[in-house]
């Protein structure tokens, strides 16, 4: 943010500093104990939010490099910093899941439904009466929470949050509009509390404003590359994890991955694959080949539709515009994954537990924040770090402070706190 500009000469660009600042941050490290899809921990290593974010960042860097290089060749005399695209995209990819709560995507739904269907609903009247935005809570969005985490000044922390560059911040926001506009549950880009910050970022970058009330902008162009990197990784890497967990057989996994390629290419891939005996290495080789294919396809789509993207006229994700054969294969994998992975018993068990734990923590801590003078409330509130302003002046701000605390937890910490509050476990004496 602008408060941290200085006149010193640095060996790193501001965008590289964004990346480094994220890597060394506590919220990023905590992603290692947040569920991506499959339960953690286990005897078989599967992806967590941290490994997913690192892989998305690598893929995003490749996309940014291809696009930046091609744009430089297309516009050799332009003063635009095309070489910075890969740094911006890779940093934004690192941060894209930073605001996601524990227990995977079910954590987002648990927070939303606590307010829309659960006991949090009784706060609606007070929040609306005080001028708070109720739609922020019933549509809780991890992407919007990432922006809050990056720009909000938590108590005792520096102004500007992570002090990220505007370009990196804008490249994270997949849904650049208010929750008042959302027609789909859990799709918006910023809370009411960060709307003024986002307006400053968007207007300074020249993002196209579509509407003032509710506020809505066109996407920043680099969002499409960040989104594509995420789409590529979660689809392909989930297949590899499912194979390790025996949800898919080796032959099933090989056939799904080979299907991305034309017939004449498949034979070559099989020949290379046969050079190693280790089954996991065979799958890893095909996985890397599919990722490479999808990176090239998505970069080509971006470059082919560059003018539409800049005008805010391009609709949908890049992955939805790749060549027909590749798109059909991607969609088939998504359908199979939904049935066999995302609805598998282990994944559903995490969702069930996540709903229970998050709902309980929100209920208990919000009741304490709303009744701060009660003796038991004082004990509970002392358990919350001072950076979270649970004593804020409005109900909306107190609710967000409790959500900040809960969404920042790892799976293990949330479960441990749940057990301690309920008396299921006690500190060792």
Protein backbone atom coordinates (compact mmCIF):
# COMPACT_ATOMS: atom_id res chain seq x y z
CA UNK A 1 0.00 0.00 0.00
CA UNK A 2 1.07 3.59 -0.58
CA UNK A 3 2.05 4.32 3.05
CA UNK A 4 5.10 2.06 2.67
CA UNK A 5 6.66 3.48 -0.48
CA UNK A 6 10.22 4.67 0.01
CA UNK A 7 13.01 6.10 -2.10
CA UNK A 8 15.54 3.34 -1.56
CA UNK A 9 16.87 1.25 -4.41
CA UNK A 10 16.00 -2.44 -4.05
CA UNK A 11 17.31 -5.50 -5.83
CA UNK A 12 13.82 -6.99 -5.73
CA UNK A 13 10.82 -5.52 -7.48
CA UNK A 14 7.79 -4.55 -5.38
CA UNK A 15 5.98 -7.59 -6.77
CA UNK A 16 8.79 -9.93 -5.72
CA UNK A 17 8.59 -8.37 -2.27
CA UNK A 18 4.87 -9.18 -2.22
CA UNK A 19 5.76 -12.81 -2.83
CA UNK A 20 8.46 -12.91 -0.17
CA UNK A 21 6.28 -11.14 2.39
CA UNK A 22 3.56 -13.75 1.90
CA UNK A 23 5.94 -16.72 2.09
CA UNK A 24 7.30 -15.58 5.46
CA UNK A 25 3.91 -14.69 6.98
CA UNK A 26 2.14 -16.59 9.76
CA UNK A 27 -1.21 -16.85 7.90
CA UNK A 28 0.58 -18.51 4.99
CA UNK A 29 2.39 -20.99 7.23
CA UNK A 30 -0.91 -21.92 8.88
CA UNK A 31 -2.18 -23.18 5.53
CA UNK A 32 -0.09 -26.33 6.06
CA UNK A 33 -2.67 -27.53 8.59
CA UNK A 34 -5.79 -26.57 6.66
CA UNK A 35 -7.67 -29.17 4.64
CA UNK A 36 -7.62 -28.86 0.87
CA UNK A 37 -9.95 -31.80 0.06
CA UNK A 38 -8.86 -34.95 1.89
CA UNK A 39 -8.56 -35.33 5.68
CA UNK A 40 -5.33 -34.29 7.42
CA UNK A 41 -3.09 -35.73 8.62
CA UNK A 42 -2.86 -39.28 7.30
CA UNK A 43 -0.39 -42.04 6.61
CA UNK A 44 -0.51 -41.05 2.92
CA UNK A 45 0.55 -37.49 2.17
CA UNK A 46 -2.11 -35.54 0.30
CA UNK A 47 -2.39 -31.87 -0.53
CA UNK A 48 -3.17 -29.28 2.09
CA UNK A 49 -3.86 -25.58 1.51
CA UNK A 50 -0.16 -24.74 1.69
CA UNK A 51 1.07 -27.26 -0.89
CA UNK A 52 -1.89 -26.37 -3.12
CA UNK A 53 -1.05 -22.65 -2.92
CA UNK A 54 2.62 -23.27 -3.72
CA UNK A 55 1.71 -25.38 -6.75
CA UNK A 56 -0.84 -22.83 -7.96
CA UNK A 57 1.84 -20.17 -7.64
CA UNK A 58 4.25 -22.21 -9.79
CA UNK A 59 1.62 -22.74 -12.47
CA UNK A 60 0.64 -19.06 -12.27
CA UNK A 61 4.25 -18.05 -12.76
CA UNK A 62 4.42 -20.16 -15.93
CA UNK A 63 1.19 -18.64 -17.25
CA UNK A 64 2.46 -15.14 -16.45
CA UNK A 65 5.77 -15.81 -18.17
CA UNK A 66 4.15 -17.10 -21.36
CA UNK A 67 1.68 -14.23 -21.52
CA UNK A 68 4.26 -11.59 -20.63
CA UNK A 69 6.75 -12.84 -23.21
CA UNK A 70 4.11 -12.94 -25.94
CA UNK A 71 2.81 -9.46 -25.13
CA UNK A 72 6.36 -8.07 -25.23
CA UNK A 73 6.82 -9.58 -28.69
CA UNK A 74 3.46 -8.19 -29.81
CA UNK A 75 4.08 -4.70 -28.38
CA UNK A 76 7.88 -4.26 -28.55
CA UNK A 77 7.74 -0.48 -28.03
CA UNK A 78 5.20 -0.45 -25.20
CA UNK A 79 6.24 1.02 -21.85
CA UNK A 80 4.11 -1.56 -20.05
CA UNK A 81 6.00 -3.81 -17.62
CA UNK A 82 5.12 -7.14 -19.23
CA UNK A 83 8.08 -8.80 -17.50
CA UNK A 84 6.38 -8.22 -14.14
CA UNK A 85 3.29 -10.26 -15.00
CA UNK A 86 4.78 -13.55 -13.83
CA UNK A 87 5.80 -12.02 -10.48
CA UNK A 88 2.38 -10.46 -9.93
CA UNK A 89 0.49 -13.62 -10.82
CA UNK A 90 2.70 -15.91 -8.75
CA UNK A 91 2.30 -13.66 -5.68
CA UNK A 92 -1.47 -13.40 -6.15
CA UNK A 93 -1.66 -17.19 -6.48
CA UNK A 94 0.16 -17.60 -3.16
CA UNK A 95 -2.46 -15.42 -1.46
CA UNK A 96 -5.61 -16.62 -3.20
CA UNK A 97 -6.58 -19.07 -0.41
CA UNK A 98 -5.14 -17.12 2.51
CA UNK A 99 -8.58 -16.24 3.90
CA UNK A 100 -10.09 -19.71 3.68
CA UNK A 101 -11.25 -21.19 7.00
CA UNK A 102 -10.35 -24.67 8.29
CA UNK A 103 -11.97 -27.87 6.97
CA UNK A 104 -11.86 -27.08 3.26
CA UNK A 105 -14.72 -25.52 1.32
CA UNK A 106 -17.16 -26.84 3.90
CA UNK A 107 -15.68 -24.26 6.28
CA UNK A 108 -16.94 -21.45 4.07
CA UNK A 109 -20.40 -22.99 3.91
CA UNK A 110 -20.43 -23.55 7.67
CA UNK A 111 -19.82 -19.85 8.33
CA UNK A 112 -22.43 -18.77 5.79
CA UNK A 113 -25.11 -21.14 7.01
CA UNK A 114 -24.46 -20.27 10.65
CA UNK A 115 -25.82 -16.82 9.83
CA UNK A 116 -28.38 -17.75 7.15
CA UNK A 117 -29.81 -20.89 8.77
CA UNK A 118 -28.33 -21.15 12.26
CA UNK A 119 -28.25 -19.20 15.47
CA UNK A 120 -26.31 -16.34 13.96
CA UNK A 121 -29.55 -15.26 12.28
CA UNK A 122 -30.71 -13.56 15.45
CA UNK A 123 -28.04 -10.89 14.90
CA UNK A 124 -29.53 -9.76 11.59
CA UNK A 125 -31.77 -7.05 13.05
CA UNK A 126 -28.98 -5.41 15.05
CA UNK A 127 -26.46 -5.58 12.21
CA UNK A 128 -28.83 -4.05 9.66
CA UNK A 129 -30.07 -1.41 12.12
CA UNK A 130 -26.48 -0.34 12.82
CA UNK A 131 -25.69 -0.08 9.10
CA UNK A 132 -23.77 -3.34 8.73
CA UNK A 133 -24.00 -5.45 5.59
CA UNK A 134 -25.81 -8.67 6.44
CA UNK A 135 -25.17 -10.15 2.99
CA UNK A 136 -21.43 -10.26 3.82
CA UNK A 137 -22.12 -12.83 6.52
CA UNK A 138 -24.71 -15.07 4.87
CA UNK A 139 -22.51 -15.26 1.76
CA UNK A 140 -19.13 -15.60 3.50
CA UNK A 141 -16.45 -15.92 0.82
CA UNK A 142 -12.87 -17.06 1.35
CA UNK A 143 -11.68 -14.84 -1.51
CA UNK A 144 -13.18 -11.72 0.09
CA UNK A 145 -11.70 -12.81 3.41
CA UNK A 146 -8.26 -13.00 1.77
CA UNK A 147 -8.55 -9.32 0.81
CA UNK A 148 -9.59 -8.43 4.36
CA UNK A 149 -6.64 -10.34 5.79
CA UNK A 150 -4.24 -8.55 3.43
CA UNK A 151 -5.46 -4.95 3.84
CA UNK A 152 -7.20 -4.70 7.22
CA UNK A 153 -5.36 -3.03 10.08
CA UNK A 154 -5.78 -5.49 12.92
CA UNK A 155 -5.27 -4.16 16.45
CA UNK A 156 -1.63 -3.51 17.16
CA UNK A 157 -0.65 -4.17 13.55
CA UNK A 158 0.56 -1.72 10.94
CA UNK A 159 -1.72 0.30 8.73
CA UNK A 160 -2.22 -1.25 5.29
CA UNK A 161 -2.05 -4.85 6.52
CA UNK A 162 0.48 -6.75 4.41
CA UNK A 163 1.29 -3.56 2.47
CA UNK A 164 0.85 -5.33 -0.86
CA UNK A 165 1.04 -3.66 -4.26
CA UNK A 166 -2.26 -2.68 -5.83
CA UNK A 167 -1.68 -4.96 -8.82
CA UNK A 168 -1.24 -8.03 -6.64
CA UNK A 169 -4.31 -7.21 -4.56
CA UNK A 170 -6.50 -6.63 -7.63
CA UNK A 171 -5.28 -9.89 -9.19
CA UNK A 172 -6.68 -11.89 -6.26
CA UNK A 173 -10.26 -10.60 -6.49
CA UNK A 174 -12.17 -13.10 -8.63
CA UNK A 175 -15.54 -11.43 -8.01
CA UNK A 176 -14.97 -7.64 -7.99
CA UNK A 177 -18.35 -6.68 -6.62
CA UNK A 178 -20.23 -6.23 -3.37
CA UNK A 179 -22.10 -9.07 -1.68
CA UNK A 180 -25.27 -7.01 -2.27
CA UNK A 181 -24.91 -7.78 -5.97
CA UNK A 182 -24.19 -11.50 -5.76
CA UNK A 183 -26.73 -13.76 -7.39
CA UNK A 184 -24.80 -16.87 -6.38
CA UNK A 185 -24.15 -17.85 -2.82
CA UNK A 186 -20.58 -17.19 -1.66
CA UNK A 187 -19.50 -15.14 -4.69
CA UNK A 188 -18.28 -11.60 -4.01
CA UNK A 189 -14.98 -9.81 -3.68
CA UNK A 190 -14.81 -7.68 -0.54
CA UNK A 191 -16.61 -7.05 2.72
CA UNK A 192 -18.23 -3.72 3.51
CA UNK A 193 -15.33 -3.10 5.89
CA UNK A 194 -12.79 -3.21 3.00
CA UNK A 195 -14.92 -1.67 0.25
CA UNK A 196 -13.23 1.75 0.45
CA UNK A 197 -9.80 0.07 0.22
CA UNK A 198 -10.85 -1.88 -2.85
CA UNK A 199 -12.28 1.24 -4.50
CA UNK A 200 -8.95 2.99 -4.02
CA UNK A 201 -7.07 0.05 -5.53
CA UNK A 202 -9.46 -0.42 -8.46
CA UNK A 203 -9.73 3.26 -9.36
CA UNK A 204 -5.98 3.80 -9.14
CA UNK A 205 -5.42 0.87 -11.53
CA UNK A 206 -8.10 2.10 -13.92
CA UNK A 207 -10.37 -0.92 -13.53
CA UNK A 208 -13.70 -0.42 -15.29
CA UNK A 209 -16.51 0.43 -12.88
CA UNK A 210 -19.82 -1.10 -13.96
CA UNK A 211 -22.06 0.05 -11.14
CA UNK A 212 -21.94 2.26 -8.05
CA UNK A 213 -24.72 0.74 -5.96
CA UNK A 214 -24.17 -2.08 -5.41
CA UNK A 215 -20.53 -1.56 -6.27
CA UNK A 216 -19.28 -3.60 -9.21
CA UNK A 217 -16.13 -3.55 -11.35
CA UNK A 218 -14.83 -5.55 -14.29
CA UNK A 219 -12.15 -8.02 -13.35
CA UNK A 220 -8.51 -7.04 -13.38
CA UNK A 221 -7.00 -8.85 -16.44
CA UNK A 222 -4.50 -10.86 -14.39
CA UNK A 223 -7.30 -12.40 -12.32
CA UNK A 224 -7.95 -14.67 -15.28
CA UNK A 225 -4.43 -16.11 -15.03
CA UNK A 226 -4.67 -16.60 -11.25
CA UNK A 227 -8.02 -18.32 -11.66
CA UNK A 228 -6.67 -20.54 -14.45
CA UNK A 229 -3.72 -21.65 -12.31
CA UNK A 230 -6.12 -22.59 -9.51
CA UNK A 231 -8.47 -24.42 -11.89
CA UNK A 232 -5.61 -26.41 -13.37
CA UNK A 233 -4.10 -27.43 -10.05
CA UNK A 234 -7.11 -28.44 -8.05
CA UNK A 235 -8.52 -30.59 -10.86
CA UNK A 236 -5.33 -32.40 -11.81
CA UNK A 237 -3.76 -32.69 -8.36
CA UNK A 238 -6.97 -34.02 -6.82
CA UNK A 239 -6.81 -36.90 -9.32
CA UNK A 240 -3.28 -37.71 -8.19
CA UNK A 241 -4.30 -37.63 -4.52
CA UNK A 242 -7.33 -39.82 -5.24
CA UNK A 243 -5.03 -42.36 -6.89
CA UNK A 244 -2.75 -42.45 -3.85
CA UNK A 245 -5.80 -43.07 -1.66
CA UNK A 246 -7.03 -45.88 -3.96
CA UNK A 247 -10.20 -44.02 -4.90
CA UNK A 248 -9.08 -44.46 -8.51
CA UNK A 249 -7.10 -47.44 -9.75
CA UNK A 250 -3.81 -46.88 -11.54
CA UNK A 251 -5.33 -47.78 -14.90
CA UNK A 252 -8.33 -45.48 -14.35
CA UNK A 253 -6.03 -42.58 -13.47
CA UNK A 254 -3.74 -43.19 -16.44
CA UNK A 255 -6.69 -43.31 -18.85
CA UNK A 256 -8.20 -40.10 -17.45
CA UNK A 257 -4.91 -38.24 -17.84
CA UNK A 258 -4.06 -39.67 -21.27
CA UNK A 259 -7.50 -38.64 -22.54
CA UNK A 260 -6.37 -34.99 -22.54
CA UNK A 261 -4.11 -35.73 -25.51
CA UNK A 262 -4.81 -36.66 -29.13
CA UNK A 263 -4.42 -40.35 -29.98
CA UNK A 264 -1.05 -39.97 -31.76
CA UNK A 265 0.42 -38.26 -28.69
CA UNK A 266 -0.79 -40.89 -26.23
CA UNK A 267 1.48 -43.59 -27.58
CA UNK A 268 4.55 -41.42 -27.05
CA UNK A 269 3.43 -40.65 -23.49
CA UNK A 270 2.96 -44.35 -22.79
CA UNK A 271 6.45 -45.12 -24.09
CA UNK A 272 8.05 -42.51 -21.86
CA UNK A 273 5.93 -43.62 -18.90
CA UNK A 274 7.15 -47.22 -19.32
CA UNK A 275 10.74 -46.14 -18.70
CA UNK A 276 10.04 -46.06 -14.95
CA UNK A 277 8.62 -48.85 -12.78
CA UNK A 278 7.34 -46.76 -9.89
CA UNK A 279 3.58 -46.32 -10.28
CA UNK A 280 3.50 -42.93 -8.57
CA UNK A 281 6.24 -41.69 -10.91
CA UNK A 282 4.20 -42.79 -13.90
CA UNK A 283 1.20 -40.82 -12.64
CA UNK A 284 3.40 -37.83 -11.79
CA UNK A 285 4.80 -37.79 -15.33
CA UNK A 286 1.33 -37.78 -16.89
CA UNK A 287 0.13 -35.20 -14.37
CA UNK A 288 2.96 -32.84 -15.26
CA UNK A 289 2.25 -33.36 -18.96
CA UNK A 290 -1.43 -32.47 -18.49
CA UNK A 291 -0.54 -29.37 -16.48
CA UNK A 292 1.85 -28.27 -19.22
CA UNK A 293 -0.85 -28.76 -21.83
CA UNK A 294 -3.43 -26.79 -19.84
CA UNK A 295 -0.96 -23.96 -19.14
CA UNK A 296 -0.29 -23.55 -22.87
CA UNK A 297 -3.99 -23.75 -23.72
CA UNK A 298 -5.02 -21.16 -21.11
CA UNK A 299 -2.19 -18.79 -22.11
CA UNK A 300 -3.32 -19.06 -25.74
CA UNK A 301 -6.91 -18.24 -24.75
CA UNK A 302 -5.77 -15.17 -22.80
CA UNK A 303 -3.70 -13.90 -25.72
CA UNK A 304 -6.42 -14.61 -28.28
CA UNK A 305 -8.98 -12.66 -26.23
CA UNK A 306 -6.65 -9.98 -24.87
CA UNK A 307 -8.70 -7.04 -26.17
CA UNK A 308 -11.98 -8.45 -24.84
CA UNK A 309 -10.37 -9.01 -21.44
CA UNK A 310 -9.06 -5.45 -21.30
CA UNK A 311 -12.49 -4.08 -22.23
CA UNK A 312 -14.22 -6.20 -19.61
CA UNK A 313 -16.16 -8.09 -22.28
CA UNK A 314 -14.66 -11.57 -21.83
CA UNK A 315 -17.00 -13.93 -19.98
CA UNK A 316 -16.13 -17.01 -17.97
CA UNK A 317 -12.89 -18.65 -16.92
CA UNK A 318 -10.03 -19.28 -19.36
CA UNK A 319 -10.34 -23.03 -18.77
CA UNK A 320 -13.86 -22.90 -20.24
CA UNK A 321 -12.49 -21.55 -23.53
CA UNK A 322 -9.68 -24.01 -24.24
CA UNK A 323 -9.90 -26.26 -27.30
CA UNK A 324 -13.02 -28.41 -27.38
CA UNK A 325 -11.33 -31.79 -26.89
CA UNK A 326 -9.34 -30.57 -23.89
CA UNK A 327 -12.34 -28.79 -22.39
CA UNK A 328 -14.53 -31.88 -22.72
CA UNK A 329 -11.89 -33.99 -21.01
CA UNK A 330 -11.49 -31.45 -18.21
CA UNK A 331 -15.26 -31.38 -17.68
CA UNK A 332 -15.45 -35.19 -17.59
CA UNK A 333 -12.74 -35.30 -14.95
CA UNK A 334 -14.62 -32.67 -12.95
CA UNK A 335 -17.81 -34.74 -13.08
CA UNK A 336 -16.02 -37.94 -12.06
CA UNK A 337 -14.21 -36.10 -9.26
CA UNK A 338 -17.47 -34.71 -7.90
CA UNK A 339 -19.01 -38.17 -7.68
CA UNK A 340 -16.01 -40.16 -6.47
CA UNK A 341 -13.82 -37.63 -4.64
CA UNK A 342 -15.86 -34.75 -3.27
CA UNK A 343 -18.73 -37.06 -2.24
CA UNK A 344 -16.47 -39.77 -0.80
CA UNK A 345 -17.03 -40.87 2.81
CA UNK A 346 -13.78 -39.40 4.17
CA UNK A 347 -14.38 -36.02 2.57
CA UNK A 348 -17.99 -35.92 3.78
CA UNK A 349 -16.85 -36.83 7.30
CA UNK A 350 -14.54 -33.80 7.32
CA UNK A 351 -17.44 -31.61 6.18
CA UNK A 352 -19.74 -32.93 8.90
CA UNK A 353 -17.13 -32.38 11.60
CA UNK A 354 -16.23 -28.97 10.18
CA UNK A 355 -19.84 -27.78 10.28
CA UNK A 356 -20.20 -28.87 13.89
CA UNK A 357 -16.93 -27.38 15.12
CA UNK A 358 -17.15 -24.05 13.27
CA UNK A 359 -20.81 -23.51 14.16
CA UNK A 360 -20.11 -24.20 17.82
CA UNK A 361 -17.11 -21.86 17.95
CA UNK A 362 -18.99 -19.05 16.20
CA UNK A 363 -22.01 -19.41 18.49
CA UNK A 364 -19.97 -19.54 21.68
CA UNK A 365 -17.60 -16.69 20.84
CA UNK A 366 -20.25 -14.40 19.35
CA UNK A 367 -22.43 -14.83 22.43
CA UNK A 368 -19.44 -13.91 24.53
CA UNK A 369 -18.71 -10.83 22.40
CA UNK A 370 -22.35 -9.71 22.64
CA UNK A 371 -22.40 -10.24 26.42
CA UNK A 372 -18.90 -9.12 27.26
CA UNK A 373 -19.75 -8.23 30.89
CA UNK A 374 -20.77 -11.78 31.80
CA UNK A 375 -18.16 -13.63 33.82
CA UNK A 376 -17.98 -16.65 31.52
CA UNK A 377 -17.77 -14.32 28.51
CA UNK A 378 -14.74 -12.61 30.03
CA UNK A 379 -12.97 -15.97 30.31
CA UNK A 380 -13.77 -16.88 26.70
CA UNK A 381 -12.79 -13.47 25.31
CA UNK A 382 -9.44 -13.66 27.08
CA UNK A 383 -8.81 -16.73 24.89
CA UNK A 384 -8.94 -14.56 21.74
CA UNK A 385 -5.70 -12.76 20.73
CA UNK A 386 -5.82 -8.98 21.13
CA UNK A 387 -5.41 -8.34 17.40
CA UNK A 388 -9.05 -9.41 16.90
CA UNK A 389 -11.29 -6.54 17.93
CA UNK A 390 -14.13 -8.44 19.57
CA UNK A 391 -14.89 -5.34 21.63
CA UNK A 392 -15.57 -3.19 18.55
CA UNK A 393 -18.41 -0.68 18.65
CA UNK A 394 -20.80 -2.37 16.18
CA UNK A 395 -22.26 -5.85 15.96
CA UNK A 396 -21.04 -6.20 12.35
CA UNK A 397 -17.46 -5.41 13.37
CA UNK A 398 -17.61 -7.81 16.33
CA UNK A 399 -18.99 -10.54 14.09
CA UNK A 400 -16.16 -10.04 11.59
CA UNK A 401 -13.61 -10.09 14.42
CA UNK A 402 -14.89 -13.47 15.61
CA UNK A 403 -14.90 -14.74 12.01
CA UNK A 404 -11.31 -13.46 11.63
CA UNK A 405 -10.29 -15.54 14.63
CA UNK A 406 -12.15 -18.70 13.60
CA UNK A 407 -11.28 -18.56 9.89
CA UNK A 408 -7.60 -18.12 10.73
CA UNK A 409 -7.50 -21.37 12.72
CA UNK A 410 -5.93 -24.56 11.45
CA UNK A 411 -8.04 -27.72 11.48
CA UNK A 412 -6.10 -29.02 14.46
CA UNK A 413 -6.38 -25.78 16.46
CA UNK A 414 -10.13 -25.49 15.81
CA UNK A 415 -10.70 -29.08 16.95
CA UNK A 416 -8.50 -28.56 20.03
CA UNK A 417 -10.32 -25.37 21.06
CA UNK A 418 -13.69 -27.05 20.50
CA UNK A 419 -12.69 -29.91 22.78
CA UNK A 420 -11.38 -27.59 25.49
CA UNK A 421 -14.44 -25.32 25.52
CA UNK A 422 -16.78 -28.33 25.68
CA UNK A 423 -14.71 -29.95 28.42
CA UNK A 424 -13.84 -32.95 26.26
CA UNK A 425 -10.15 -32.37 26.94
CA UNK A 426 -8.17 -30.54 29.57
CA UNK A 427 -4.60 -29.25 29.74
CA UNK A 428 -2.17 -31.76 31.21
CA UNK A 429 -1.78 -31.23 34.96
